[in-house]
Amino acid sequence: MTHHLSLKSLTGWCTGVFLSLTATVAQADKVTVLLDWFINPDHAPLIIAETEGLFEAAGLEVTLVEPADPSLPPKLVAAKQADIAVSYQPSLMLDLANDLPLVRVGSLVDSPLNSLVVLDQGPIQSIADLKGKTVGFSVGGFEDALLGAMLETHGLTLDDVRLVNVNFSLSPSLYSGQVDAVIGAFRNFELNQMMLDERPGRAFYPEEHGVPTYEELILVTHPDLAGSDKIERFLDVLDQAMSIILADPDAAYRNFVQYRPMDLDTPLNEAAWKDTLPKLARHTRDLDRTTWVEFAQFMQSRGLISTLPDPESYLHRSTE
């Protein structure tokens, strides 16, 4: 049976739909997320949530911002200039020591990516071989502490190596012979970059050499926002996105690169995607408080923080 609408009724129907859609858009909660770096597979759940329309379906209008200065996002969130920052567990410990009001509400990558990398065919076959050698780094402080702990498990100290700041030119400094090793290399990227450059590398992992395990990429917000409805919906969406990624990683990768093909559709991202998936947090809110306390104790023992913060003050207990 065919129904015919008069022009008047059709106009009224269209107006109703328009007003309904307008109301839906108006009711969407705005969430500004400051990333830690340029978009890459570490941010997979965020990008898939956007490309699949999951944020919109949850009534969220999410803006992802790539920072000009990676150190700024947590500070801006602490100042309530943004809602969420993608940060690092060690960075949160340092920020708390500097009295920044921040709370960890979730995780993107819940195990370490940082590593000590050498040329696979080079002279360094063991960490013990670094005695008298040169090690490049990008960011002082935590990376020094990381390296120091790793060296100590092999009978060495930081005094046994020469540290050189190579900024973020990690693999090139290895290729040129400027350094014998680099600390701060993300294993899912640097090793793949070196393979693509036909200069394969070998990684030594901190968690296997004296460093407690920790979460590499975390989500932090201001304490006033922790537990709010829009933050909880945001975390729900990331879990939905992660389920989509796990159900069909290849299709998810195609969606990921379509977010910005000119920048993301690269051989490095394709290789890194495969190595990143096992590291992504399956459930954003999952939290092991014991490992957080152990890592805080590690940072205190290395002189990075003077006192241990109360876990209840910076680890949000979700109602989910």
Protein backbone atom coordinates (compact mmCIF):
# COMPACT_ATOMS: atom_id res chain seq x y z
CA MET A 1 0.00 0.00 0.00
CA THR A 2 1.42 3.37 -0.99
CA HIS A 3 1.11 6.38 1.31
CA HIS A 4 1.08 9.87 -0.19
CA LEU A 5 2.17 12.88 1.82
CA SER A 6 0.90 16.34 1.03
CA LEU A 7 3.47 19.08 0.58
CA LYS A 8 2.38 20.56 3.89
CA SER A 9 2.69 17.31 5.79
CA LEU A 10 6.00 16.49 4.10
CA THR A 11 7.33 19.90 5.04
CA GLY A 12 6.20 19.37 8.60
CA TRP A 13 7.81 15.93 8.72
CA CYS A 14 11.13 17.26 7.39
CA THR A 15 11.05 20.11 9.87
CA GLY A 16 10.46 17.65 12.70
CA VAL A 17 13.37 15.49 11.61
CA PHE A 18 15.60 18.54 11.29
CA LEU A 19 14.66 19.78 14.75
CA SER A 20 15.23 16.30 16.18
CA LEU A 21 18.68 16.10 14.61
CA THR A 22 19.50 19.62 15.73
CA ALA A 23 18.50 18.75 19.27
CA THR A 24 20.67 15.62 19.17
CA VAL A 25 23.68 17.63 18.01
CA ALA A 26 22.99 20.31 20.61
CA GLN A 27 22.87 17.72 23.35
CA ALA A 28 26.20 16.15 22.38
CA ASP A 29 28.81 16.55 25.12
CA LYS A 30 32.05 18.05 23.88
CA VAL A 31 35.23 16.16 24.85
CA THR A 32 38.64 17.54 23.95
CA VAL A 33 41.40 14.92 23.96
CA LEU A 34 45.02 16.06 23.81
CA LEU A 35 47.24 13.32 22.37
CA ASP A 36 50.81 12.63 23.45
CA TRP A 37 52.21 12.73 19.92
CA PHE A 38 51.12 12.65 16.29
CA ILE A 39 48.42 10.09 15.50
CA ASN A 40 49.77 6.54 15.20
CA PRO A 41 48.61 2.95 15.95
CA ASP A 42 49.03 3.54 19.70
CA HIS A 43 45.87 5.63 19.35
CA ALA A 44 43.94 2.94 17.47
CA PRO A 45 40.85 2.79 19.75
CA LEU A 46 40.43 6.57 19.56
CA ILE A 47 40.62 6.65 15.77
CA ILE A 48 38.38 3.61 15.24
CA ALA A 49 35.82 5.07 17.64
CA GLU A 50 35.75 8.18 15.46
CA THR A 51 35.69 6.45 12.06
CA GLU A 52 32.97 4.02 13.21
CA GLY A 53 30.78 6.83 14.53
CA LEU A 54 30.83 5.42 18.06
CA PHE A 55 31.45 8.76 19.75
CA GLU A 56 28.54 10.35 17.92
CA ALA A 57 26.28 7.43 18.79
CA ALA A 58 27.16 7.92 22.45
CA GLY A 59 26.26 11.61 22.28
CA LEU A 60 29.85 12.79 22.33
CA GLU A 61 31.53 15.36 20.13
CA VAL A 62 35.19 14.41 20.47
CA THR A 63 38.06 16.57 19.25
CA LEU A 64 41.49 14.93 18.99
CA VAL A 65 44.41 17.33 19.19
CA GLU A 66 48.02 16.51 18.28
CA PRO A 67 50.29 18.62 20.48
CA ALA A 68 53.05 20.92 19.28
CA ASP A 69 54.74 20.27 22.64
CA PRO A 70 54.19 16.74 24.05
CA SER A 71 54.81 17.97 27.60
CA LEU A 72 51.84 20.35 27.57
CA PRO A 73 48.71 18.10 27.44
CA PRO A 74 48.67 17.03 31.12
CA LYS A 75 49.32 20.62 32.21
CA LEU A 76 46.41 21.89 30.11
CA VAL A 77 44.09 19.21 31.49
CA ALA A 78 45.18 20.05 35.03
CA ALA A 79 44.27 23.67 34.26
CA LYS A 80 40.88 22.54 32.88
CA GLN A 81 41.77 23.77 29.40
CA ALA A 82 40.97 20.31 27.97
CA ASP A 83 39.10 17.23 29.20
CA ILE A 84 41.50 14.33 28.70
CA ALA A 85 45.21 13.96 27.99
CA VAL A 86 47.01 10.92 26.68
CA SER A 87 50.05 10.67 28.93
CA TYR A 88 52.50 8.15 30.39
CA GLN A 89 52.57 6.48 33.78
CA PRO A 90 56.06 7.84 34.63
CA SER A 91 54.96 11.33 33.54
CA LEU A 92 51.90 11.17 35.80
CA MET A 93 54.13 10.36 38.78
CA LEU A 94 56.27 13.42 38.01
CA ASP A 95 53.22 15.62 37.44
CA LEU A 96 51.76 14.56 40.79
CA ALA A 97 55.07 15.37 42.45
CA ASN A 98 54.67 18.86 40.97
CA ASP A 99 51.18 19.13 42.51
CA LEU A 100 49.25 18.95 39.24
CA PRO A 101 45.63 17.84 39.88
CA LEU A 102 45.38 14.78 37.65
CA VAL A 103 43.70 11.36 37.84
CA ARG A 104 44.31 8.25 35.77
CA VAL A 105 40.93 7.09 34.43
CA GLY A 106 42.01 4.58 31.78
CA SER A 107 44.71 3.10 29.64
CA LEU A 108 45.42 2.81 25.92
CA VAL A 109 48.63 0.76 26.13
CA ASP A 110 48.85 -1.13 29.41
CA SER A 111 52.42 -2.47 29.22
CA PRO A 112 55.81 -0.94 28.39
CA LEU A 113 56.81 0.02 24.84
CA ASN A 114 60.07 1.71 25.82
CA SER A 115 63.23 -0.25 25.09
CA LEU A 116 67.00 -0.13 24.76
CA VAL A 117 67.89 -0.72 21.11
CA VAL A 118 71.15 -1.64 19.36
CA LEU A 119 72.05 -2.70 15.83
CA ASP A 120 71.32 -6.38 15.42
CA GLN A 121 74.65 -7.05 13.69
CA GLY A 122 76.61 -4.66 15.92
CA PRO A 123 79.06 -5.41 18.74
CA ILE A 124 76.50 -5.11 21.56
CA GLN A 125 75.15 -8.59 22.15
CA SER A 126 74.34 -8.09 25.83
CA ILE A 127 73.67 -5.11 28.07
CA ALA A 128 76.99 -5.93 29.75
CA ASP A 129 78.71 -5.07 26.46
CA LEU A 130 77.76 -1.41 26.96
CA LYS A 131 80.63 -0.81 29.37
CA GLY A 132 82.60 2.14 28.01
CA LYS A 133 80.08 2.65 25.17
CA THR A 134 77.85 5.59 24.20
CA VAL A 135 74.07 5.57 24.70
CA GLY A 136 71.75 8.07 23.04
CA PHE A 137 68.58 9.37 24.66
CA SER A 138 65.77 11.78 23.83
CA VAL A 139 64.33 12.85 27.17
CA GLY A 140 66.42 13.03 30.32
CA GLY A 141 65.24 12.01 33.78
CA PHE A 142 63.11 8.91 33.44
CA GLU A 143 65.14 7.43 30.57
CA ASP A 144 68.32 7.84 32.64
CA ALA A 145 66.66 6.02 35.53
CA LEU A 146 65.41 3.30 33.21
CA LEU A 147 68.86 2.78 31.73
CA GLY A 148 70.52 2.88 35.14
CA ALA A 149 68.31 0.10 36.48
CA MET A 150 68.89 -2.03 33.38
CA LEU A 151 72.65 -1.57 33.62
CA GLU A 152 72.69 -2.52 37.29
CA THR A 153 71.19 -5.93 36.53
CA HIS A 154 74.39 -6.56 34.55
CA GLY A 155 76.87 -5.18 37.06
CA LEU A 156 77.20 -1.73 35.49
CA THR A 157 76.12 1.82 36.41
CA LEU A 158 75.45 5.00 34.47
CA ASP A 159 79.07 5.95 35.14
CA ASP A 160 80.13 3.07 32.90
CA VAL A 161 78.51 4.60 29.80
CA ARG A 162 78.54 7.97 28.07
CA LEU A 163 75.12 9.57 27.59
CA VAL A 164 74.43 11.70 24.51
CA ASN A 165 71.21 13.62 23.82
CA VAL A 166 70.26 12.76 20.23
CA ASN A 167 66.84 14.46 20.54
CA PHE A 168 64.41 12.20 18.65
CA SER A 169 66.93 11.02 16.07
CA LEU A 170 67.26 7.56 17.58
CA SER A 171 67.83 5.09 14.75
CA PRO A 172 69.82 7.58 12.58
CA SER A 173 72.28 8.08 15.45
CA LEU A 174 72.76 4.30 15.55
CA TYR A 175 73.27 4.09 11.79
CA SER A 176 75.89 6.83 11.80
CA GLY A 177 77.85 5.29 14.66
CA GLN A 178 77.29 8.36 16.83
CA VAL A 179 76.02 6.03 19.56
CA ASP A 180 76.20 2.32 20.31
CA ALA A 181 72.69 2.08 21.76
CA VAL A 182 69.59 4.21 22.29
CA ILE A 183 67.18 4.29 25.21
CA GLY A 184 63.61 5.51 24.77
CA ALA A 185 62.93 3.67 21.52
CA PHE A 186 59.36 2.39 21.24
CA ARG A 187 59.69 -1.25 20.29
CA ASN A 188 56.62 -1.24 18.05
CA PHE A 189 58.02 1.62 15.94
CA GLU A 190 61.80 1.86 16.12
CA LEU A 191 62.42 -1.80 15.32
CA ASN A 192 60.04 -1.65 12.35
CA GLN A 193 61.64 1.56 11.10
CA MET A 194 65.06 -0.07 11.29
CA MET A 195 63.80 -3.13 9.42
CA LEU A 196 62.37 -0.90 6.68
CA ASP A 197 65.72 0.88 6.51
CA GLU A 198 67.38 -2.53 6.11
CA ARG A 199 69.40 -1.89 9.29
CA PRO A 200 67.66 -4.31 11.68
CA GLY A 201 67.87 -3.72 15.40
CA ARG A 202 67.64 -5.71 18.61
CA ALA A 203 65.76 -4.54 21.69
CA PHE A 204 66.36 -5.11 25.38
CA TYR A 205 63.16 -4.68 27.39
CA PRO A 206 63.17 -2.77 30.72
CA GLU A 207 60.64 -5.11 32.34
CA GLU A 208 63.05 -8.00 31.73
CA HIS A 209 66.02 -6.14 33.20
CA GLY A 210 65.19 -4.77 36.61
CA VAL A 211 62.36 -2.31 35.91
CA PRO A 212 58.83 -2.96 37.24
CA THR A 213 56.16 -3.19 34.57
CA TYR A 214 54.07 -0.10 33.94
CA GLU A 215 51.42 1.31 31.62
CA GLU A 216 52.93 3.10 28.64
CA LEU A 217 49.97 5.23 27.53
CA ILE A 218 47.30 6.32 29.98
CA LEU A 219 44.30 8.65 29.98
CA VAL A 220 44.31 11.38 32.61
CA THR A 221 41.73 14.00 33.52
CA HIS A 222 41.12 16.60 36.23
CA PRO A 223 39.77 15.09 39.48
CA ASP A 224 36.58 17.14 39.07
CA LEU A 225 35.82 15.32 35.79
CA ALA A 226 36.78 11.80 36.90
CA GLY A 227 33.65 9.66 37.11
CA SER A 228 31.51 12.17 35.24
CA ASP A 229 28.93 10.82 32.84
CA LYS A 230 30.67 12.04 29.69
CA ILE A 231 34.04 10.58 30.75
CA GLU A 232 32.42 7.23 31.55
CA ARG A 233 30.65 7.20 28.17
CA PHE A 234 33.94 8.07 26.51
CA LEU A 235 35.62 5.06 28.16
CA ASP A 236 32.70 2.81 27.19
CA VAL A 237 33.19 3.84 23.56
CA LEU A 238 36.90 2.99 23.66
CA ASP A 239 36.03 -0.50 24.86
CA GLN A 240 33.56 -0.86 21.97
CA ALA A 241 36.26 0.29 19.54
CA MET A 242 38.72 -2.21 20.97
CA SER A 243 36.20 -5.02 20.41
CA ILE A 244 35.87 -3.96 16.78
CA ILE A 245 39.67 -3.93 16.36
CA LEU A 246 40.07 -7.40 17.86
CA ALA A 247 37.20 -8.84 15.80
CA ASP A 248 38.84 -7.88 12.49
CA PRO A 249 42.30 -6.25 12.83
CA ASP A 250 42.80 -5.94 9.06
CA ALA A 251 39.50 -4.15 8.48
CA ALA A 252 40.20 -1.96 11.51
CA TYR A 253 43.56 -1.00 10.05
CA ARG A 254 41.92 0.04 6.79
CA ASN A 255 39.52 2.23 8.76
CA PHE A 256 42.41 3.62 10.78
CA VAL A 257 44.36 4.82 7.74
CA GLN A 258 41.22 6.27 6.15
CA TYR A 259 41.05 8.75 9.02
CA ARG A 260 43.88 10.63 7.30
CA PRO A 261 45.29 8.57 4.42
CA MET A 262 48.06 10.96 3.36
CA ASP A 263 49.70 10.72 6.79
CA LEU A 264 48.66 7.30 8.09
CA ASP A 265 48.79 4.97 5.07
CA THR A 266 52.50 4.15 5.34
CA PRO A 267 54.60 0.96 5.46
CA LEU A 268 55.77 1.92 8.97
CA ASN A 269 52.22 2.24 10.33
CA GLU A 270 51.21 -1.03 8.67
CA ALA A 271 54.10 -2.84 10.35
CA ALA A 272 53.63 -1.04 13.66
CA TRP A 273 49.90 -1.84 13.69
CA LYS A 274 50.62 -5.57 13.98
CA ASP A 275 53.10 -5.07 16.83
CA THR A 276 50.89 -2.59 18.65
CA LEU A 277 47.68 -4.64 18.81
CA PRO A 278 48.96 -7.07 21.50
CA LYS A 279 49.93 -4.08 23.63
CA LEU A 280 46.60 -2.24 23.53
CA ALA A 281 44.49 -2.37 26.68
CA ARG A 282 41.62 -4.82 26.17
CA HIS A 283 39.49 -3.01 28.74
CA THR A 284 40.27 0.66 29.15
CA ARG A 285 39.42 0.86 32.85
CA ASP A 286 41.33 -2.27 33.95
CA LEU A 287 43.80 -1.41 36.69
CA ASP A 288 46.40 -3.28 38.73
CA ARG A 289 46.97 -1.06 41.75
CA THR A 290 49.81 -3.21 43.05
CA THR A 291 51.95 -2.63 39.96
CA TRP A 292 51.24 1.10 40.15
CA VAL A 293 52.50 1.22 43.73
CA GLU A 294 55.56 -0.87 42.84
CA PHE A 295 56.40 1.46 39.99
CA ALA A 296 55.99 4.54 42.20
CA GLN A 297 58.40 2.93 44.65
CA PHE A 298 60.83 2.35 41.77
CA MET A 299 60.66 6.01 40.78
CA GLN A 300 61.24 7.05 44.38
CA SER A 301 64.23 4.70 44.68
CA ARG A 302 65.75 6.27 41.54
CA GLY A 303 65.34 9.76 42.97
CA LEU A 304 62.69 10.87 40.46
CA ILE A 305 60.08 11.59 43.14
CA SER A 306 60.67 12.29 46.82
CA THR A 307 57.46 10.93 48.33
CA LEU A 308 54.96 8.26 47.35
CA PRO A 309 51.56 9.66 46.35
CA ASP A 310 48.43 8.05 47.80
CA PRO A 311 47.06 5.72 45.06
CA GLU A 312 43.51 6.66 46.09
CA SER A 313 44.23 10.23 45.04
CA TYR A 314 45.25 9.52 41.45
CA LEU A 315 43.79 6.13 40.49
CA HIS A 316 40.09 6.56 39.82
CA ARG A 317 37.77 3.79 40.89
CA SER A 318 35.24 3.52 38.09
CA THR A 319 31.69 2.54 38.86
CA GLU A 320 31.76 0.22 35.79
